[in-house]
Amino acid sequence: MPLKTSHCNSCLFKTICDQTIGKEDFDDLYRSTTFQIFRKGEIILRQHMKMSNLVFLHTGIVKFCYNNYGKDIILTIDKAPTLLGLANYLNNNVNFFSIIAIEDCEGCMIDEDVFQRILTNNPSFALQALNSFTNMFRQSMQSFISLSYNQVQGRIANILVFLSKHIYESSIFHLPLTRKEIAQFAGCSTENVINTLRKFDHDGIIRINGKEIEILDEKGLQLVCRMG
């Protein structure tokens, strides 16, 4: 029997299930699901490993990482609530990339075989799952496109805007990434990140206080995104 948590009554995944699958299928899914806490830095799904579970993330922020010949690249960042692992259905159920907790997270491990059976037998449920995957893929592609056409300052500005608007929905946020991780996301050196953040702070575009970032001049930052 899975560990029950306070998330169960307000769980978005349960709401979707209630709308698209029958009680018998949901009970089967529920019995095969276990609650788990993922600590900061913990690998939730590991690249190249055979997938046995999907994860519905209740709380926290994760990064999607691809290791290419020993070099780590951050593809995108996502926050709860979200379903992790759907992309692997297109990769023979082998994790194409790693998903790693940026901060302490809570989620439910969903048995892949049970999920696959319910997905096959319930077109409405399959459509909801496809929509979830499509949103993640679109977000990842938008990040890649916006970063690939920018110089270093533009890439870092795009990351700050992305974190502000899509992850924290606030102009003030606690930066979840190290300078090295920002470099892996932006495709530049750690020194580039340090110098660029220092310049943005000096120019009054942002304010840096330890790990806290405040965007002071959103129009200025957006201009760097477009021109950088």
C-alpha atoms as a PDB file:
ATOM      1  CA  MET A   1       0.000   0.000   0.000  1.00  0.00           C
ATOM      2  CA  PRO A   2       1.479   3.391  -0.954  1.00  0.00           C
ATOM      3  CA  LEU A   3       2.289   5.948   1.670  1.00  0.00           C
ATOM      4  CA  LYS A   4      -0.568   8.429   1.911  1.00  0.00           C
ATOM      5  CA  THR A   5       0.257  12.100   2.244  1.00  0.00           C
ATOM      6  CA  SER A   6      -1.538  15.397   2.584  1.00  0.00           C
ATOM      7  CA  HIS A   7      -1.056  15.808  -1.201  1.00  0.00           C
ATOM      8  CA  CYS A   8      -3.562  13.069  -2.017  1.00  0.00           C
ATOM      9  CA  ASN A   9      -6.687  15.181  -1.526  1.00  0.00           C
ATOM     10  CA  SER A  10      -5.443  18.052  -3.703  1.00  0.00           C
ATOM     11  CA  CYS A  11      -3.278  16.086  -6.152  1.00  0.00           C
ATOM     12  CA  LEU A  12      -3.499  17.364  -9.744  1.00  0.00           C
ATOM     13  CA  PHE A  13      -2.642  13.913 -11.085  1.00  0.00           C
ATOM     14  CA  LYS A  14      -5.513  12.379  -9.081  1.00  0.00           C
ATOM     15  CA  THR A  15      -7.851  15.064 -10.448  1.00  0.00           C
ATOM     16  CA  ILE A  16      -6.838  14.189 -14.009  1.00  0.00           C
ATOM     17  CA  CYS A  17      -7.306  10.490 -13.275  1.00  0.00           C
ATOM     18  CA  ASP A  18     -10.762  11.094 -11.776  1.00  0.00           C
ATOM     19  CA  GLN A  19     -11.770  12.878 -14.993  1.00  0.00           C
ATOM     20  CA  THR A  20     -10.370  10.351 -17.470  1.00  0.00           C
ATOM     21  CA  ILE A  21     -10.243   6.816 -15.988  1.00  0.00           C
ATOM     22  CA  GLY A  22     -12.565   4.619 -13.980  1.00  0.00           C
ATOM     23  CA  LYS A  23     -12.342   3.867 -10.262  1.00  0.00           C
ATOM     24  CA  GLU A  24     -11.001   0.345 -10.830  1.00  0.00           C
ATOM     25  CA  ASP A  25      -8.114   1.632 -12.968  1.00  0.00           C
ATOM     26  CA  PHE A  26      -7.364   4.409 -10.497  1.00  0.00           C
ATOM     27  CA  ASP A  27      -7.350   1.998  -7.544  1.00  0.00           C
ATOM     28  CA  ASP A  28      -4.923  -0.236  -9.473  1.00  0.00           C
ATOM     29  CA  LEU A  29      -2.704   2.767 -10.177  1.00  0.00           C
ATOM     30  CA  TYR A  30      -2.917   3.941  -6.574  1.00  0.00           C
ATOM     31  CA  ARG A  31      -1.931   0.547  -5.165  1.00  0.00           C
ATOM     32  CA  SER A  32       1.200   0.522  -7.321  1.00  0.00           C
ATOM     33  CA  THR A  33       2.262   4.066  -6.369  1.00  0.00           C
ATOM     34  CA  THR A  34       4.648   5.015  -3.559  1.00  0.00           C
ATOM     35  CA  PHE A  35       5.403   8.420  -2.082  1.00  0.00           C
ATOM     36  CA  GLN A  36       9.049   9.496  -1.942  1.00  0.00           C
ATOM     37  CA  ILE A  37      11.165  12.444  -0.842  1.00  0.00           C
ATOM     38  CA  PHE A  38      14.047  13.427  -3.120  1.00  0.00           C
ATOM     39  CA  ARG A  39      16.809  15.427  -1.509  1.00  0.00           C
ATOM     40  CA  LYS A  40      18.598  18.308  -3.222  1.00  0.00           C
ATOM     41  CA  GLY A  41      21.054  16.900  -5.763  1.00  0.00           C
ATOM     42  CA  GLU A  42      19.430  13.459  -5.836  1.00  0.00           C
ATOM     43  CA  ILE A  43      18.970  11.835  -9.244  1.00  0.00           C
ATOM     44  CA  ILE A  44      15.271  11.075  -9.706  1.00  0.00           C
ATOM     45  CA  LEU A  45      15.645   9.433 -13.140  1.00  0.00           C
ATOM     46  CA  ARG A  46      19.100   8.483 -14.407  1.00  0.00           C
ATOM     47  CA  GLN A  47      20.218   8.865 -18.025  1.00  0.00           C
ATOM     48  CA  HIS A  48      20.536   5.586 -20.014  1.00  0.00           C
ATOM     49  CA  MET A  49      18.871   3.533 -17.264  1.00  0.00           C
ATOM     50  CA  LYS A  50      15.783   1.432 -18.023  1.00  0.00           C
ATOM     51  CA  MET A  51      12.693   3.170 -16.726  1.00  0.00           C
ATOM     52  CA  SER A  52      10.539   1.311 -14.211  1.00  0.00           C
ATOM     53  CA  ASN A  53       8.632   4.289 -12.790  1.00  0.00           C
ATOM     54  CA  LEU A  54       7.285   7.654 -13.744  1.00  0.00           C
ATOM     55  CA  VAL A  55       7.250  10.348 -11.099  1.00  0.00           C
ATOM     56  CA  PHE A  56       4.477  12.804 -10.387  1.00  0.00           C
ATOM     57  CA  LEU A  57       6.250  15.716  -8.702  1.00  0.00           C
ATOM     58  CA  HIS A  58       4.156  17.304  -5.946  1.00  0.00           C
ATOM     59  CA  THR A  59       6.648  19.900  -4.706  1.00  0.00           C
ATOM     60  CA  GLY A  60      10.059  21.206  -5.727  1.00  0.00           C
ATOM     61  CA  ILE A  61      12.148  22.110  -8.764  1.00  0.00           C
ATOM     62  CA  VAL A  62      14.147  19.778 -11.004  1.00  0.00           C
ATOM     63  CA  LYS A  63      16.649  20.074 -13.836  1.00  0.00           C
ATOM     64  CA  PHE A  64      16.799  17.973 -16.983  1.00  0.00           C
ATOM     65  CA  CYS A  65      20.443  17.102 -17.637  1.00  0.00           C
ATOM     66  CA  TYR A  66      22.143  15.399 -20.565  1.00  0.00           C
ATOM     67  CA  ASN A  67      25.666  14.074 -20.150  1.00  0.00           C
ATOM     68  CA  ASN A  68      27.575  14.106 -23.414  1.00  0.00           C
ATOM     69  CA  TYR A  69      31.021  12.474 -23.193  1.00  0.00           C
ATOM     70  CA  GLY A  70      31.458  13.617 -19.599  1.00  0.00           C
ATOM     71  CA  LYS A  71      30.103  17.121 -20.148  1.00  0.00           C
ATOM     72  CA  ASP A  72      26.850  17.994 -18.379  1.00  0.00           C
ATOM     73  CA  ILE A  73      24.298  20.108 -20.250  1.00  0.00           C
ATOM     74  CA  ILE A  74      21.127  21.437 -18.611  1.00  0.00           C
ATOM     75  CA  LEU A  75      18.301  21.167 -21.138  1.00  0.00           C
ATOM     76  CA  THR A  76      15.587  22.847 -19.099  1.00  0.00           C
ATOM     77  CA  ILE A  77      14.179  23.315 -15.597  1.00  0.00           C
ATOM     78  CA  ASP A  78      10.699  22.418 -14.402  1.00  0.00           C
ATOM     79  CA  LYS A  79       8.675  22.783 -11.235  1.00  0.00           C
ATOM     80  CA  ALA A  80       5.872  20.908  -9.528  1.00  0.00           C
ATOM     81  CA  PRO A  81       3.222  19.885 -10.215  1.00  0.00           C
ATOM     82  CA  THR A  82       4.427  17.919 -13.227  1.00  0.00           C
ATOM     83  CA  LEU A  83       4.719  14.358 -14.495  1.00  0.00           C
ATOM     84  CA  LEU A  84       8.309  13.249 -15.074  1.00  0.00           C
ATOM     85  CA  GLY A  85       9.402  10.481 -17.428  1.00  0.00           C
ATOM     86  CA  LEU A  86       6.925  10.689 -20.317  1.00  0.00           C
ATOM     87  CA  ALA A  87       9.645  11.493 -22.857  1.00  0.00           C
ATOM     88  CA  ASN A  88      11.141   8.051 -22.294  1.00  0.00           C
ATOM     89  CA  TYR A  89       8.194   6.340 -23.987  1.00  0.00           C
ATOM     90  CA  LEU A  90       9.708   7.610 -27.246  1.00  0.00           C
ATOM     91  CA  ASN A  91      13.108   6.169 -26.304  1.00  0.00           C
ATOM     92  CA  ASN A  92      12.261   2.486 -25.697  1.00  0.00           C
ATOM     93  CA  ASN A  93      11.588   3.184 -22.012  1.00  0.00           C
ATOM     94  CA  VAL A  94      15.229   4.130 -21.460  1.00  0.00           C
ATOM     95  CA  ASN A  95      15.871   7.474 -19.771  1.00  0.00           C
ATOM     96  CA  PHE A  96      17.178   9.795 -22.474  1.00  0.00           C
ATOM     97  CA  PHE A  97      18.382  12.300 -19.856  1.00  0.00           C
ATOM     98  CA  SER A  98      18.719  12.545 -16.094  1.00  0.00           C
ATOM     99  CA  ILE A  99      16.234  14.436 -13.948  1.00  0.00           C
ATOM    100  CA  ILE A 100      17.831  15.809 -10.793  1.00  0.00           C
ATOM    101  CA  ALA A 101      16.337  17.601  -7.791  1.00  0.00           C
ATOM    102  CA  ILE A 102      17.535  21.201  -7.549  1.00  0.00           C
ATOM    103  CA  GLU A 103      15.929  21.474  -4.117  1.00  0.00           C
ATOM    104  CA  ASP A 104      14.211  19.005  -1.786  1.00  0.00           C
ATOM    105  CA  CYS A 105      11.233  17.558  -3.667  1.00  0.00           C
ATOM    106  CA  GLU A 106       8.264  15.307  -2.947  1.00  0.00           C
ATOM    107  CA  GLY A 107       6.749  12.991  -5.502  1.00  0.00           C
ATOM    108  CA  CYS A 108       4.911   9.749  -6.184  1.00  0.00           C
ATOM    109  CA  MET A 109       6.618   6.872  -7.985  1.00  0.00           C
ATOM    110  CA  ILE A 110       4.134   5.445 -10.498  1.00  0.00           C
ATOM    111  CA  ASP A 111       4.690   1.894 -11.753  1.00  0.00           C
ATOM    112  CA  GLU A 112       5.459   2.118 -15.477  1.00  0.00           C
ATOM    113  CA  ASP A 113       3.747  -1.153 -16.430  1.00  0.00           C
ATOM    114  CA  VAL A 114       0.480  -0.207 -14.729  1.00  0.00           C
ATOM    115  CA  PHE A 115       0.654   3.297 -16.186  1.00  0.00           C
ATOM    116  CA  GLN A 116       1.268   1.864 -19.670  1.00  0.00           C
ATOM    117  CA  ARG A 117      -1.761  -0.428 -19.437  1.00  0.00           C
ATOM    118  CA  ILE A 118      -4.054   2.374 -18.287  1.00  0.00           C
ATOM    119  CA  LEU A 119      -2.633   4.691 -20.943  1.00  0.00           C
ATOM    120  CA  THR A 120      -3.384   2.141 -23.663  1.00  0.00           C
ATOM    121  CA  ASN A 121      -6.947   1.496 -22.506  1.00  0.00           C
ATOM    122  CA  ASN A 122      -7.990   5.124 -21.874  1.00  0.00           C
ATOM    123  CA  PRO A 123      -7.655   7.536 -24.835  1.00  0.00           C
ATOM    124  CA  SER A 124      -8.650  10.588 -22.770  1.00  0.00           C
ATOM    125  CA  PHE A 125      -6.008   9.796 -20.174  1.00  0.00           C
ATOM    126  CA  ALA A 126      -3.454   9.251 -22.970  1.00  0.00           C
ATOM    127  CA  LEU A 127      -4.319  12.664 -24.431  1.00  0.00           C
ATOM    128  CA  GLN A 128      -3.764  14.369 -21.059  1.00  0.00           C
ATOM    129  CA  ALA A 129      -0.401  12.607 -20.744  1.00  0.00           C
ATOM    130  CA  LEU A 130       0.540  13.665 -24.279  1.00  0.00           C
ATOM    131  CA  ASN A 131      -0.365  17.275 -23.481  1.00  0.00           C
ATOM    132  CA  SER A 132       1.888  17.146 -20.405  1.00  0.00           C
ATOM    133  CA  PHE A 133       4.807  15.808 -22.465  1.00  0.00           C
ATOM    134  CA  THR A 134       4.201  18.347 -25.239  1.00  0.00           C
ATOM    135  CA  ASN A 135       4.299  21.249 -22.775  1.00  0.00           C
ATOM    136  CA  MET A 136       7.612  20.016 -21.354  1.00  0.00           C
ATOM    137  CA  PHE A 137       9.073  19.490 -24.835  1.00  0.00           C
ATOM    138  CA  ARG A 138       7.946  22.932 -25.998  1.00  0.00           C
ATOM    139  CA  GLN A 139       9.468  24.552 -22.921  1.00  0.00           C
ATOM    140  CA  SER A 140      12.755  22.730 -23.497  1.00  0.00           C
ATOM    141  CA  MET A 141      12.850  23.695 -27.187  1.00  0.00           C
ATOM    142  CA  GLN A 142      12.017  27.333 -26.416  1.00  0.00           C
ATOM    143  CA  SER A 143      14.885  27.420 -23.924  1.00  0.00           C
ATOM    144  CA  PHE A 144      17.263  25.867 -26.449  1.00  0.00           C
ATOM    145  CA  ILE A 145      16.253  28.205 -29.285  1.00  0.00           C
ATOM    146  CA  SER A 146      16.395  31.373 -27.191  1.00  0.00           C
ATOM    147  CA  LEU A 147      19.825  30.468 -25.823  1.00  0.00           C
ATOM    148  CA  SER A 148      21.353  29.257 -29.097  1.00  0.00           C
ATOM    149  CA  TYR A 149      20.883  32.594 -30.884  1.00  0.00           C
ATOM    150  CA  ASN A 150      22.261  34.771 -28.100  1.00  0.00           C
ATOM    151  CA  GLN A 151      25.684  35.844 -26.955  1.00  0.00           C
ATOM    152  CA  VAL A 152      26.636  35.042 -23.369  1.00  0.00           C
ATOM    153  CA  GLN A 153      24.926  38.061 -21.763  1.00  0.00           C
ATOM    154  CA  GLY A 154      21.728  37.363 -23.696  1.00  0.00           C
ATOM    155  CA  ARG A 155      21.727  33.706 -22.654  1.00  0.00           C
ATOM    156  CA  ILE A 156      22.107  34.536 -18.974  1.00  0.00           C
ATOM    157  CA  ALA A 157      19.456  37.251 -19.220  1.00  0.00           C
ATOM    158  CA  ASN A 158      17.090  34.690 -20.775  1.00  0.00           C
ATOM    159  CA  ILE A 159      17.724  32.280 -17.908  1.00  0.00           C
ATOM    160  CA  LEU A 160      16.940  34.964 -15.326  1.00  0.00           C
ATOM    161  CA  VAL A 161      13.719  35.900 -17.138  1.00  0.00           C
ATOM    162  CA  PHE A 162      12.769  32.207 -17.414  1.00  0.00           C
ATOM    163  CA  LEU A 163      13.299  31.652 -13.683  1.00  0.00           C
ATOM    164  CA  SER A 164      11.415  34.822 -12.792  1.00  0.00           C
ATOM    165  CA  LYS A 165       8.404  34.271 -15.045  1.00  0.00           C
ATOM    166  CA  HIS A 166       8.005  30.498 -15.353  1.00  0.00           C
ATOM    167  CA  ILE A 167       9.506  28.997 -12.212  1.00  0.00           C
ATOM    168  CA  TYR A 168       9.012  31.524  -9.394  1.00  0.00           C
ATOM    169  CA  GLU A 169       6.494  33.919 -10.975  1.00  0.00           C
ATOM    170  CA  SER A 170       8.140  36.748  -9.076  1.00  0.00           C
ATOM    171  CA  SER A 171      10.773  39.423  -9.677  1.00  0.00           C
ATOM    172  CA  ILE A 172      12.464  38.337  -6.432  1.00  0.00           C
ATOM    173  CA  PHE A 173      13.597  34.739  -6.080  1.00  0.00           C
ATOM    174  CA  HIS A 174      16.175  32.525  -4.456  1.00  0.00           C
ATOM    175  CA  LEU A 175      18.546  31.425  -7.222  1.00  0.00           C
ATOM    176  CA  PRO A 176      18.314  27.617  -7.218  1.00  0.00           C
ATOM    177  CA  LEU A 177      21.347  27.073  -9.452  1.00  0.00           C
ATOM    178  CA  THR A 178      25.033  27.394  -8.723  1.00  0.00           C
ATOM    179  CA  ARG A 179      27.149  29.528 -11.028  1.00  0.00           C
ATOM    180  CA  LYS A 180      28.450  26.280 -12.560  1.00  0.00           C
ATOM    181  CA  GLU A 181      24.904  25.064 -13.246  1.00  0.00           C
ATOM    182  CA  ILE A 182      23.970  28.369 -14.875  1.00  0.00           C
ATOM    183  CA  ALA A 183      27.032  27.903 -17.094  1.00  0.00           C
ATOM    184  CA  GLN A 184      25.809  24.393 -18.008  1.00  0.00           C
ATOM    185  CA  PHE A 185      22.409  25.852 -18.879  1.00  0.00           C
ATOM    186  CA  ALA A 186      23.810  28.817 -20.818  1.00  0.00           C
ATOM    187  CA  GLY A 187      26.576  26.905 -22.583  1.00  0.00           C
ATOM    188  CA  CYS A 188      29.389  29.124 -21.352  1.00  0.00           C
ATOM    189  CA  SER A 189      32.099  29.180 -18.703  1.00  0.00           C
ATOM    190  CA  THR A 190      31.505  29.714 -14.991  1.00  0.00           C
ATOM    191  CA  GLU A 191      33.691  32.807 -15.212  1.00  0.00           C
ATOM    192  CA  ASN A 192      31.360  34.215 -17.906  1.00  0.00           C
ATOM    193  CA  VAL A 193      28.407  33.726 -15.560  1.00  0.00           C
ATOM    194  CA  ILE A 194      30.145  35.419 -12.613  1.00  0.00           C
ATOM    195  CA  ASN A 195      31.238  38.402 -14.721  1.00  0.00           C
ATOM    196  CA  THR A 196      27.832  38.810 -16.398  1.00  0.00           C
ATOM    197  CA  LEU A 197      25.859  38.662 -13.149  1.00  0.00           C
ATOM    198  CA  ARG A 198      28.292  41.179 -11.632  1.00  0.00           C
ATOM    199  CA  LYS A 199      27.767  43.483 -14.637  1.00  0.00           C
ATOM    200  CA  PHE A 200      23.951  43.208 -14.429  1.00  0.00           C
ATOM    201  CA  ASP A 201      24.185  44.051 -10.728  1.00  0.00           C
ATOM    202  CA  HIS A 202      26.541  46.989 -11.367  1.00  0.00           C
ATOM    203  CA  ASP A 203      24.267  48.348 -14.129  1.00  0.00           C
ATOM    204  CA  GLY A 204      21.223  48.257 -11.856  1.00  0.00           C
ATOM    205  CA  ILE A 205      19.394  45.607 -13.899  1.00  0.00           C
ATOM    206  CA  ILE A 206      19.358  43.127 -11.018  1.00  0.00           C
ATOM    207  CA  ARG A 207      20.255  43.126  -7.348  1.00  0.00           C
ATOM    208  CA  ILE A 208      22.248  40.216  -5.941  1.00  0.00           C
ATOM    209  CA  ASN A 209      22.185  39.467  -2.230  1.00  0.00           C
ATOM    210  CA  GLY A 210      23.818  36.103  -1.671  1.00  0.00           C
ATOM    211  CA  LYS A 211      21.569  33.575  -3.443  1.00  0.00           C
ATOM    212  CA  GLU A 212      18.690  36.039  -3.736  1.00  0.00           C
ATOM    213  CA  ILE A 213      18.089  37.746  -7.071  1.00  0.00           C
ATOM    214  CA  GLU A 214      15.826  40.750  -7.572  1.00  0.00           C
ATOM    215  CA  ILE A 215      15.076  41.970 -11.086  1.00  0.00           C
ATOM    216  CA  LEU A 216      15.081  45.762 -10.824  1.00  0.00           C
ATOM    217  CA  ASP A 217      14.841  46.664 -14.513  1.00  0.00           C
ATOM    218  CA  GLU A 218      12.713  44.089 -16.339  1.00  0.00           C
ATOM    219  CA  LYS A 219      12.646  46.121 -19.575  1.00  0.00           C
ATOM    220  CA  GLY A 220      16.421  46.411 -19.484  1.00  0.00           C
ATOM    221  CA  LEU A 221      16.780  42.677 -18.927  1.00  0.00           C
ATOM    222  CA  GLN A 222      14.345  41.921 -21.753  1.00  0.00           C
ATOM    223  CA  LEU A 223      16.372  44.230 -24.006  1.00  0.00           C
ATOM    224  CA  VAL A 224      19.522  42.218 -23.242  1.00  0.00           C
ATOM    225  CA  CYS A 225      17.536  39.047 -24.075  1.00  0.00           C
ATOM    226  CA  ARG A 226      16.654  40.440 -27.508  1.00  0.00           C
ATOM    227  CA  MET A 227      19.926  42.188 -28.309  1.00  0.00           C
ATOM    228  CA  GLY A 228      22.409  40.031 -26.396  1.00  0.00           C
END
